[in-house]
Amino acid sequence: MSRVLPHAIARTAADIAGDRVSVFTFGAVGDGVTDDTPAVTGAIADLVACGGGELYFPGGFTYLVGEIDFPAGVVPQIGRAHV
């Protein structure tokens, strides 16, 4: 059974299970001005609901995020910036 995750953009639990999820999928902007906290916390909540996974922050962007707790099973992955 597939369900739409409340914070994701056109992703289902089946899509997320077992793969790396980008913060951009959840609406992060990464411009250093926009508050990306709601996107990150939404992604974490959905990953927890799916049993965990990797939350990917692509390199080369500046994320404006408040204090974030990564629960067990949710692993942040930071990409390398391309020069």
C-alpha atoms as a PDB file:
ATOM      1  CA  MET A   1       0.000   0.000   0.000  1.00  0.00           C
ATOM      2  CA  SER A   2       1.318   3.381  -0.957  1.00  0.00           C
ATOM      3  CA  ARG A   3       0.578   6.614   0.866  1.00  0.00           C
ATOM      4  CA  VAL A   4       1.514  10.207   0.197  1.00  0.00           C
ATOM      5  CA  LEU A   5       3.875  11.580   2.804  1.00  0.00           C
ATOM      6  CA  PRO A   6       2.618  14.882   4.200  1.00  0.00           C
ATOM      7  CA  HIS A   7       5.861  16.852   3.887  1.00  0.00           C
ATOM      8  CA  ALA A   8       7.246  15.387   0.667  1.00  0.00           C
ATOM      9  CA  ILE A   9       6.730  16.657  -2.822  1.00  0.00           C
ATOM     10  CA  ALA A  10       5.157  13.820  -4.859  1.00  0.00           C
ATOM     11  CA  ARG A  11       6.906  10.997  -2.984  1.00  0.00           C
ATOM     12  CA  THR A  12       5.334   7.934  -1.403  1.00  0.00           C
ATOM     13  CA  ALA A  13       6.513   5.677   1.403  1.00  0.00           C
ATOM     14  CA  ALA A  14       7.428   3.050  -1.198  1.00  0.00           C
ATOM     15  CA  ASP A  15       9.612   5.597  -3.028  1.00  0.00           C
ATOM     16  CA  ILE A  16      11.466   6.525   0.127  1.00  0.00           C
ATOM     17  CA  ALA A  17      12.033   3.072   1.601  1.00  0.00           C
ATOM     18  CA  GLY A  18      15.650   2.087   1.176  1.00  0.00           C
ATOM     19  CA  ASP A  19      16.931   5.073  -0.750  1.00  0.00           C
ATOM     20  CA  ARG A  20      18.639   8.371  -0.068  1.00  0.00           C
ATOM     21  CA  VAL A  21      16.220  11.260   0.280  1.00  0.00           C
ATOM     22  CA  SER A  22      17.299  14.778  -0.655  1.00  0.00           C
ATOM     23  CA  VAL A  23      16.198  17.730   1.457  1.00  0.00           C
ATOM     24  CA  PHE A  24      15.181  19.373  -1.831  1.00  0.00           C
ATOM     25  CA  THR A  25      12.459  16.739  -2.220  1.00  0.00           C
ATOM     26  CA  PHE A  26      10.892  18.208   0.909  1.00  0.00           C
ATOM     27  CA  GLY A  27      11.139  21.838  -0.187  1.00  0.00           C
ATOM     28  CA  ALA A  28      14.553  22.984   1.032  1.00  0.00           C
ATOM     29  CA  VAL A  29      15.971  25.913  -0.947  1.00  0.00           C
ATOM     30  CA  GLY A  30      19.619  26.049   0.185  1.00  0.00           C
ATOM     31  CA  ASP A  31      20.103  29.715  -0.639  1.00  0.00           C
ATOM     32  CA  GLY A  32      21.325  30.750   2.829  1.00  0.00           C
ATOM     33  CA  VAL A  33      18.364  33.123   3.204  1.00  0.00           C
ATOM     34  CA  THR A  34      15.277  30.895   3.237  1.00  0.00           C
ATOM     35  CA  ASP A  35      14.603  28.973   6.453  1.00  0.00           C
ATOM     36  CA  ASP A  36      15.043  25.307   5.500  1.00  0.00           C
ATOM     37  CA  THR A  37      14.096  24.037   8.970  1.00  0.00           C
ATOM     38  CA  PRO A  38      10.506  23.033   8.014  1.00  0.00           C
ATOM     39  CA  ALA A  39      11.779  21.034   5.025  1.00  0.00           C
ATOM     40  CA  VAL A  40      14.395  19.231   7.115  1.00  0.00           C
ATOM     41  CA  THR A  41      12.069  18.466  10.024  1.00  0.00           C
ATOM     42  CA  GLY A  42       9.378  17.281   7.609  1.00  0.00           C
ATOM     43  CA  ALA A  43      11.866  14.990   5.888  1.00  0.00           C
ATOM     44  CA  ILE A  44      13.021  13.593   9.227  1.00  0.00           C
ATOM     45  CA  ALA A  45       9.434  12.956  10.337  1.00  0.00           C
ATOM     46  CA  ASP A  46       8.640  11.107   7.121  1.00  0.00           C
ATOM     47  CA  LEU A  47      11.835   9.056   7.254  1.00  0.00           C
ATOM     48  CA  VAL A  48      11.050   8.044  10.834  1.00  0.00           C
ATOM     49  CA  ALA A  49       7.535   7.020   9.736  1.00  0.00           C
ATOM     50  CA  CYS A  50       9.115   4.831   7.022  1.00  0.00           C
ATOM     51  CA  GLY A  51      11.592   3.186   9.372  1.00  0.00           C
ATOM     52  CA  GLY A  52      14.550   5.519   8.793  1.00  0.00           C
ATOM     53  CA  GLY A  53      16.989   6.216   5.986  1.00  0.00           C
ATOM     54  CA  GLU A  54      19.559   8.704   4.730  1.00  0.00           C
ATOM     55  CA  LEU A  55      18.740  12.397   4.530  1.00  0.00           C
ATOM     56  CA  TYR A  56      20.973  13.927   1.870  1.00  0.00           C
ATOM     57  CA  PHE A  57      22.078  17.568   1.845  1.00  0.00           C
ATOM     58  CA  PRO A  58      23.559  18.211  -1.627  1.00  0.00           C
ATOM     59  CA  GLY A  59      26.866  20.065  -1.581  1.00  0.00           C
ATOM     60  CA  GLY A  60      27.374  23.560  -2.900  1.00  0.00           C
ATOM     61  CA  PHE A  61      24.398  25.075  -1.070  1.00  0.00           C
ATOM     62  CA  THR A  62      24.000  27.005   2.180  1.00  0.00           C
ATOM     63  CA  TYR A  63      21.215  25.648   4.370  1.00  0.00           C
ATOM     64  CA  LEU A  64      19.620  27.880   6.965  1.00  0.00           C
ATOM     65  CA  VAL A  65      18.419  25.485   9.649  1.00  0.00           C
ATOM     66  CA  GLY A  66      17.643  25.796  13.347  1.00  0.00           C
ATOM     67  CA  GLU A  67      18.584  23.152  15.900  1.00  0.00           C
ATOM     68  CA  ILE A  68      17.846  19.698  14.502  1.00  0.00           C
ATOM     69  CA  ASP A  69      17.838  16.349  16.308  1.00  0.00           C
ATOM     70  CA  PHE A  70      18.467  13.316  14.130  1.00  0.00           C
ATOM     71  CA  PRO A  71      16.743  10.346  15.745  1.00  0.00           C
ATOM     72  CA  ALA A  72      18.143   6.829  15.553  1.00  0.00           C
ATOM     73  CA  GLY A  73      17.712   5.468  12.058  1.00  0.00           C
ATOM     74  CA  VAL A  74      17.927   8.823  10.275  1.00  0.00           C
ATOM     75  CA  VAL A  75      21.432   9.472   8.980  1.00  0.00           C
ATOM     76  CA  PRO A  76      22.421  12.886   7.581  1.00  0.00           C
ATOM     77  CA  GLN A  77      24.655  12.739   4.507  1.00  0.00           C
ATOM     78  CA  ILE A  78      26.430  15.921   3.416  1.00  0.00           C
ATOM     79  CA  GLY A  79      27.443  16.178  -0.235  1.00  0.00           C
ATOM     80  CA  ARG A  80      30.679  17.681  -1.431  1.00  0.00           C
ATOM     81  CA  ALA A  81      30.673  21.083  -3.070  1.00  0.00           C
ATOM     82  CA  HIS A  82      31.653  21.109  -6.719  1.00  0.00           C
ATOM     83  CA  VAL A  83      34.164  23.765  -7.680  1.00  0.00           C
END
